[in-house]
Amino acid sequence: MDPQTSSRAWTQRETTVIAALGVVFGVLYLGWAQLWLMLQVPLGVIMLDVMFGFWCIVSIIAAYIIRKPFVAFGSEVIAAIAEVLTGHPAGLVLLLTGIVQGAGAELPFALTRWQNYSLAVLLAAGASAAVFSFAYTWIRFNYGSLSAGLLITMFVIRVASGMLLAGYLGRVLAERLHRTGVLAGLAIDTTSGAPSPKRA
């Protein structure tokens, strides 16, 4: 086996971490969806875009921790599966949503050949997930019937939400988790600029 290919394959521990994060955030995503359903009645359609970023946060957290190909994509799909299994009202269509958002989040990492996990790339991953999602929801919810002004507003807010609630907040949460010591030995522990809890 090619050593480079082998080094990019997920180890058993990494797979377990990715799966655990996906399941935990899948449950959190379900709760976030319930909050969105309550807020969209008084505040309108734009609440989807305001709250969007959190639905992609696991892809950023997992990718920042593991730093290997397809982690962002895989964790987002696992989260979608967890949402379906825990009773999300959207049902199986949520799997397609997870695939689209995960693919969007994965793209910036792929463009750097999974070598750059700086804040700029994490923000780009959140923004990319938002762009992919916007194209998907445009088709699913017939955005073509909305006014141009509203569409532009929704798009800008969704991208900003992806950058802040997924890219930035995802990095903050991953770093805090790292400081607990539970990620010792994973890529974030050996390549992060912050000192390992064991070495601090």
C-alpha atoms as a PDB file:
ATOM      1  CA  MET A   1       0.000   0.000   0.000  1.00  0.00           C
ATOM      2  CA  ASP A   2       1.212   3.539  -0.811  1.00  0.00           C
ATOM      3  CA  PRO A   3       2.476   5.081   2.474  1.00  0.00           C
ATOM      4  CA  GLN A   4       0.838   8.393   1.639  1.00  0.00           C
ATOM      5  CA  THR A   5      -2.502   6.689   1.009  1.00  0.00           C
ATOM      6  CA  SER A   6      -2.139   4.720   4.224  1.00  0.00           C
ATOM      7  CA  SER A   7      -1.373   7.863   6.216  1.00  0.00           C
ATOM      8  CA  ARG A   8      -4.539   9.473   4.888  1.00  0.00           C
ATOM      9  CA  ALA A   9      -6.777   6.526   5.784  1.00  0.00           C
ATOM     10  CA  TRP A  10      -8.794   6.898   8.969  1.00  0.00           C
ATOM     11  CA  THR A  11      -7.522   4.892  11.909  1.00  0.00           C
ATOM     12  CA  GLN A  12      -9.930   3.014  14.148  1.00  0.00           C
ATOM     13  CA  ARG A  13      -9.675   5.712  16.803  1.00  0.00           C
ATOM     14  CA  GLU A  14     -10.225   8.497  14.278  1.00  0.00           C
ATOM     15  CA  THR A  15     -13.254   6.694  12.874  1.00  0.00           C
ATOM     16  CA  THR A  16     -14.672   6.343  16.383  1.00  0.00           C
ATOM     17  CA  VAL A  17     -14.140  10.045  17.092  1.00  0.00           C
ATOM     18  CA  ILE A  18     -15.744  11.069  13.797  1.00  0.00           C
ATOM     19  CA  ALA A  19     -18.727   8.794  14.419  1.00  0.00           C
ATOM     20  CA  ALA A  20     -19.146  10.017  17.998  1.00  0.00           C
ATOM     21  CA  LEU A  21     -19.033  13.647  16.928  1.00  0.00           C
ATOM     22  CA  GLY A  22     -21.510  12.958  14.145  1.00  0.00           C
ATOM     23  CA  VAL A  23     -24.000  11.298  16.494  1.00  0.00           C
ATOM     24  CA  VAL A  24     -23.678  13.962  19.217  1.00  0.00           C
ATOM     25  CA  PHE A  25     -24.108  16.826  16.793  1.00  0.00           C
ATOM     26  CA  GLY A  26     -26.874  15.006  14.953  1.00  0.00           C
ATOM     27  CA  VAL A  27     -28.874  15.120  18.186  1.00  0.00           C
ATOM     28  CA  LEU A  28     -27.922  18.782  18.693  1.00  0.00           C
ATOM     29  CA  TYR A  29     -28.939  19.523  15.103  1.00  0.00           C
ATOM     30  CA  LEU A  30     -32.364  18.060  15.836  1.00  0.00           C
ATOM     31  CA  GLY A  31     -32.782  20.410  18.787  1.00  0.00           C
ATOM     32  CA  TRP A  32     -31.584  23.324  16.650  1.00  0.00           C
ATOM     33  CA  ALA A  33     -34.199  22.403  14.044  1.00  0.00           C
ATOM     34  CA  GLN A  34     -36.929  22.526  16.673  1.00  0.00           C
ATOM     35  CA  LEU A  35     -35.749  26.007  17.697  1.00  0.00           C
ATOM     36  CA  TRP A  36     -35.770  27.077  14.056  1.00  0.00           C
ATOM     37  CA  LEU A  37     -39.322  25.802  13.576  1.00  0.00           C
ATOM     38  CA  MET A  38     -40.446  27.916  16.525  1.00  0.00           C
ATOM     39  CA  LEU A  39     -38.602  31.064  15.433  1.00  0.00           C
ATOM     40  CA  GLN A  40     -39.517  30.991  11.756  1.00  0.00           C
ATOM     41  CA  VAL A  41     -43.192  31.645  12.555  1.00  0.00           C
ATOM     42  CA  PRO A  42     -42.683  35.086  14.131  1.00  0.00           C
ATOM     43  CA  LEU A  43     -39.410  35.994  12.372  1.00  0.00           C
ATOM     44  CA  GLY A  44     -39.959  34.578   8.876  1.00  0.00           C
ATOM     45  CA  VAL A  45     -38.099  32.595   6.225  1.00  0.00           C
ATOM     46  CA  ILE A  46     -34.792  34.367   6.833  1.00  0.00           C
ATOM     47  CA  MET A  47     -34.324  32.512  10.139  1.00  0.00           C
ATOM     48  CA  LEU A  48     -33.142  29.470   8.198  1.00  0.00           C
ATOM     49  CA  ASP A  49     -30.228  31.513   6.915  1.00  0.00           C
ATOM     50  CA  VAL A  50     -29.470  33.118  10.279  1.00  0.00           C
ATOM     51  CA  MET A  51     -29.290  29.736  12.002  1.00  0.00           C
ATOM     52  CA  PHE A  52     -27.795  27.767   9.122  1.00  0.00           C
ATOM     53  CA  GLY A  53     -24.156  27.651  10.181  1.00  0.00           C
ATOM     54  CA  PHE A  54     -24.703  25.508  13.248  1.00  0.00           C
ATOM     55  CA  TRP A  55     -26.016  22.676  11.041  1.00  0.00           C
ATOM     56  CA  CYS A  56     -22.518  22.414   9.513  1.00  0.00           C
ATOM     57  CA  ILE A  57     -20.401  22.831  12.611  1.00  0.00           C
ATOM     58  CA  VAL A  58     -19.541  19.159  13.074  1.00  0.00           C
ATOM     59  CA  SER A  59     -17.847  19.086   9.674  1.00  0.00           C
ATOM     60  CA  ILE A  60     -15.488  21.863  10.800  1.00  0.00           C
ATOM     61  CA  ILE A  61     -14.842  20.408  14.244  1.00  0.00           C
ATOM     62  CA  ALA A  62     -14.138  16.901  12.961  1.00  0.00           C
ATOM     63  CA  ALA A  63     -11.946  18.102  10.077  1.00  0.00           C
ATOM     64  CA  TYR A  64      -9.947  20.398  12.361  1.00  0.00           C
ATOM     65  CA  ILE A  65      -9.369  17.568  14.836  1.00  0.00           C
ATOM     66  CA  ILE A  66      -8.569  14.719  12.408  1.00  0.00           C
ATOM     67  CA  ARG A  67      -7.118  16.602   9.402  1.00  0.00           C
ATOM     68  CA  LYS A  68      -7.587  13.872   6.814  1.00  0.00           C
ATOM     69  CA  PRO A  69      -9.531  13.555   3.549  1.00  0.00           C
ATOM     70  CA  PHE A  70     -13.333  13.374   3.652  1.00  0.00           C
ATOM     71  CA  VAL A  71     -13.650  13.888   7.407  1.00  0.00           C
ATOM     72  CA  ALA A  72     -15.799  17.001   6.962  1.00  0.00           C
ATOM     73  CA  PHE A  73     -18.032  15.159   4.504  1.00  0.00           C
ATOM     74  CA  GLY A  74     -18.253  11.956   6.533  1.00  0.00           C
ATOM     75  CA  SER A  75     -19.033  13.609   9.849  1.00  0.00           C
ATOM     76  CA  GLU A  76     -21.811  15.699   8.308  1.00  0.00           C
ATOM     77  CA  VAL A  77     -23.416  12.644   6.702  1.00  0.00           C
ATOM     78  CA  ILE A  78     -23.220  10.722   9.999  1.00  0.00           C
ATOM     79  CA  ALA A  79     -24.880  13.659  11.743  1.00  0.00           C
ATOM     80  CA  ALA A  80     -27.671  13.603   9.149  1.00  0.00           C
ATOM     81  CA  ILE A  81     -28.177   9.871   9.698  1.00  0.00           C
ATOM     82  CA  ALA A  82     -28.339  10.477  13.460  1.00  0.00           C
ATOM     83  CA  GLU A  83     -30.957  13.192  12.898  1.00  0.00           C
ATOM     84  CA  VAL A  84     -33.098  10.847  10.829  1.00  0.00           C
ATOM     85  CA  LEU A  85     -32.831   8.075  13.418  1.00  0.00           C
ATOM     86  CA  THR A  86     -33.767  10.426  16.259  1.00  0.00           C
ATOM     87  CA  GLY A  87     -36.930  11.569  14.505  1.00  0.00           C
ATOM     88  CA  HIS A  88     -36.247  14.703  12.464  1.00  0.00           C
ATOM     89  CA  PRO A  89     -39.521  15.684  10.741  1.00  0.00           C
ATOM     90  CA  ALA A  90     -37.780  16.028   7.348  1.00  0.00           C
ATOM     91  CA  GLY A  91     -37.107  12.290   7.287  1.00  0.00           C
ATOM     92  CA  LEU A  92     -34.811  10.637   4.757  1.00  0.00           C
ATOM     93  CA  VAL A  93     -34.458  13.785   2.627  1.00  0.00           C
ATOM     94  CA  LEU A  94     -32.129  14.942   5.381  1.00  0.00           C
ATOM     95  CA  LEU A  95     -29.516  12.497   4.105  1.00  0.00           C
ATOM     96  CA  LEU A  96     -29.312  14.455   0.862  1.00  0.00           C
ATOM     97  CA  THR A  97     -29.014  17.655   2.884  1.00  0.00           C
ATOM     98  CA  GLY A  98     -26.103  16.174   4.821  1.00  0.00           C
ATOM     99  CA  ILE A  99     -24.392  15.054   1.619  1.00  0.00           C
ATOM    100  CA  VAL A 100     -24.709  18.518   0.058  1.00  0.00           C
ATOM    101  CA  GLN A 101     -23.522  20.384   3.143  1.00  0.00           C
ATOM    102  CA  GLY A 102     -20.724  17.912   3.794  1.00  0.00           C
ATOM    103  CA  ALA A 103     -19.501  18.186   0.206  1.00  0.00           C
ATOM    104  CA  GLY A 104     -19.505  21.965   0.459  1.00  0.00           C
ATOM    105  CA  ALA A 105     -17.533  21.915   3.705  1.00  0.00           C
ATOM    106  CA  GLU A 106     -15.043  19.396   2.294  1.00  0.00           C
ATOM    107  CA  LEU A 107     -14.220  21.403  -0.833  1.00  0.00           C
ATOM    108  CA  PRO A 108     -11.834  24.030   0.657  1.00  0.00           C
ATOM    109  CA  PHE A 109      -9.888  21.328   2.505  1.00  0.00           C
ATOM    110  CA  ALA A 110      -9.632  19.316  -0.717  1.00  0.00           C
ATOM    111  CA  LEU A 111      -8.382  22.374  -2.610  1.00  0.00           C
ATOM    112  CA  THR A 112      -5.504  22.621  -0.126  1.00  0.00           C
ATOM    113  CA  ARG A 113      -4.928  18.853  -0.471  1.00  0.00           C
ATOM    114  CA  TRP A 114      -5.947  18.552   3.173  1.00  0.00           C
ATOM    115  CA  GLN A 115      -2.781  20.378   4.252  1.00  0.00           C
ATOM    116  CA  ASN A 116      -4.183  23.698   5.526  1.00  0.00           C
ATOM    117  CA  TYR A 117      -6.488  23.973   8.542  1.00  0.00           C
ATOM    118  CA  SER A 118      -5.964  27.650   9.286  1.00  0.00           C
ATOM    119  CA  LEU A 119      -8.841  29.826  10.424  1.00  0.00           C
ATOM    120  CA  ALA A 120      -9.130  31.251   6.899  1.00  0.00           C
ATOM    121  CA  VAL A 121      -9.685  27.773   5.442  1.00  0.00           C
ATOM    122  CA  LEU A 122     -12.165  26.882   8.203  1.00  0.00           C
ATOM    123  CA  LEU A 123     -14.121  30.054   7.436  1.00  0.00           C
ATOM    124  CA  ALA A 124     -13.994  29.167   3.735  1.00  0.00           C
ATOM    125  CA  ALA A 125     -15.333  25.692   4.550  1.00  0.00           C
ATOM    126  CA  GLY A 126     -18.274  27.202   6.422  1.00  0.00           C
ATOM    127  CA  ALA A 127     -18.936  29.598   3.551  1.00  0.00           C
ATOM    128  CA  SER A 128     -18.667  26.827   0.960  1.00  0.00           C
ATOM    129  CA  ALA A 129     -21.145  24.666   2.868  1.00  0.00           C
ATOM    130  CA  ALA A 130     -23.511  27.650   2.883  1.00  0.00           C
ATOM    131  CA  VAL A 131     -23.178  28.173  -0.881  1.00  0.00           C
ATOM    132  CA  PHE A 132     -23.788  24.495  -1.621  1.00  0.00           C
ATOM    133  CA  SER A 133     -26.755  24.503   0.738  1.00  0.00           C
ATOM    134  CA  PHE A 134     -28.222  27.648  -0.785  1.00  0.00           C
ATOM    135  CA  ALA A 135     -28.169  26.108  -4.246  1.00  0.00           C
ATOM    136  CA  TYR A 136     -29.842  22.994  -2.849  1.00  0.00           C
ATOM    137  CA  THR A 137     -32.566  24.852  -0.934  1.00  0.00           C
ATOM    138  CA  TRP A 138     -33.133  27.110  -3.953  1.00  0.00           C
ATOM    139  CA  ILE A 139     -34.326  24.008  -5.800  1.00  0.00           C
ATOM    140  CA  ARG A 140     -36.041  22.339  -2.863  1.00  0.00           C
ATOM    141  CA  PHE A 141     -37.998  25.393  -1.692  1.00  0.00           C
ATOM    142  CA  ASN A 142     -38.464  27.151  -5.064  1.00  0.00           C
ATOM    143  CA  TYR A 143     -36.432  30.248  -4.229  1.00  0.00           C
ATOM    144  CA  GLY A 144     -36.947  31.441  -7.791  1.00  0.00           C
ATOM    145  CA  SER A 145     -40.340  32.794  -6.737  1.00  0.00           C
ATOM    146  CA  LEU A 146     -38.757  35.161  -4.184  1.00  0.00           C
ATOM    147  CA  SER A 147     -37.714  38.738  -4.887  1.00  0.00           C
ATOM    148  CA  ALA A 148     -34.113  39.439  -5.871  1.00  0.00           C
ATOM    149  CA  GLY A 149     -33.575  41.663  -2.832  1.00  0.00           C
ATOM    150  CA  LEU A 150     -34.725  38.975  -0.417  1.00  0.00           C
ATOM    151  CA  LEU A 151     -32.621  36.320  -2.167  1.00  0.00           C
ATOM    152  CA  ILE A 152     -29.472  38.428  -1.919  1.00  0.00           C
ATOM    153  CA  THR A 153     -30.139  39.136   1.752  1.00  0.00           C
ATOM    154  CA  MET A 154     -30.732  35.459   2.485  1.00  0.00           C
ATOM    155  CA  PHE A 155     -27.581  34.431   0.619  1.00  0.00           C
ATOM    156  CA  VAL A 156     -25.333  36.941   2.380  1.00  0.00           C
ATOM    157  CA  ILE A 157     -26.723  36.035   5.799  1.00  0.00           C
ATOM    158  CA  ARG A 158     -26.365  32.302   5.142  1.00  0.00           C
ATOM    159  CA  VAL A 159     -22.746  32.638   4.058  1.00  0.00           C
ATOM    160  CA  ALA A 160     -21.999  34.801   7.103  1.00  0.00           C
ATOM    161  CA  SER A 161     -23.712  32.241   9.333  1.00  0.00           C
ATOM    162  CA  GLY A 162     -21.677  29.439   7.770  1.00  0.00           C
ATOM    163  CA  MET A 163     -18.464  31.317   8.407  1.00  0.00           C
ATOM    164  CA  LEU A 164     -19.292  32.305  11.987  1.00  0.00           C
ATOM    165  CA  LEU A 165     -21.425  29.470  13.390  1.00  0.00           C
ATOM    166  CA  ALA A 166     -19.595  26.690  11.537  1.00  0.00           C
ATOM    167  CA  GLY A 167     -16.103  27.950  10.675  1.00  0.00           C
ATOM    168  CA  TYR A 168     -15.252  30.189  13.614  1.00  0.00           C
ATOM    169  CA  LEU A 169     -17.330  28.581  16.368  1.00  0.00           C
ATOM    170  CA  GLY A 170     -16.270  25.127  15.171  1.00  0.00           C
ATOM    171  CA  ARG A 171     -12.612  26.058  15.645  1.00  0.00           C
ATOM    172  CA  VAL A 172     -13.306  27.516  19.099  1.00  0.00           C
ATOM    173  CA  LEU A 173     -15.130  24.370  20.262  1.00  0.00           C
ATOM    174  CA  ALA A 174     -12.471  22.062  18.812  1.00  0.00           C
ATOM    175  CA  GLU A 175      -9.706  23.978  20.596  1.00  0.00           C
ATOM    176  CA  ARG A 176     -11.616  23.849  23.877  1.00  0.00           C
ATOM    177  CA  LEU A 177     -12.134  20.132  23.477  1.00  0.00           C
ATOM    178  CA  HIS A 178      -8.435  19.794  22.721  1.00  0.00           C
ATOM    179  CA  ARG A 179      -7.539  21.534  25.974  1.00  0.00           C
ATOM    180  CA  THR A 180      -9.378  18.855  27.956  1.00  0.00           C
ATOM    181  CA  GLY A 181      -6.789  16.298  26.836  1.00  0.00           C
ATOM    182  CA  VAL A 182      -9.238  13.845  25.263  1.00  0.00           C
ATOM    183  CA  LEU A 183      -7.792  14.459  21.792  1.00  0.00           C
ATOM    184  CA  ALA A 184      -4.219  13.588  22.742  1.00  0.00           C
ATOM    185  CA  GLY A 185      -2.409  11.896  19.877  1.00  0.00           C
ATOM    186  CA  LEU A 186      -4.806  13.080  17.173  1.00  0.00           C
ATOM    187  CA  ALA A 187      -3.765  15.516  14.452  1.00  0.00           C
ATOM    188  CA  ILE A 188      -4.974  18.597  16.329  1.00  0.00           C
ATOM    189  CA  ASP A 189      -2.693  17.602  19.208  1.00  0.00           C
ATOM    190  CA  THR A 190       0.393  17.164  17.049  1.00  0.00           C
ATOM    191  CA  THR A 191      -0.075  19.980  14.518  1.00  0.00           C
ATOM    192  CA  SER A 192      -2.018  22.676  16.388  1.00  0.00           C
ATOM    193  CA  GLY A 193      -0.203  25.847  17.318  1.00  0.00           C
ATOM    194  CA  ALA A 194      -1.601  25.546  20.828  1.00  0.00           C
ATOM    195  CA  PRO A 195       0.343  23.424  23.307  1.00  0.00           C
ATOM    196  CA  SER A 196      -0.925  19.973  24.116  1.00  0.00           C
ATOM    197  CA  PRO A 197      -2.563  19.745  27.544  1.00  0.00           C
ATOM    198  CA  LYS A 198       0.089  17.170  28.447  1.00  0.00           C
ATOM    199  CA  ARG A 199       2.885  19.557  27.474  1.00  0.00           C
ATOM    200  CA  ALA A 200       1.327  22.772  28.758  1.00  0.00           C
END
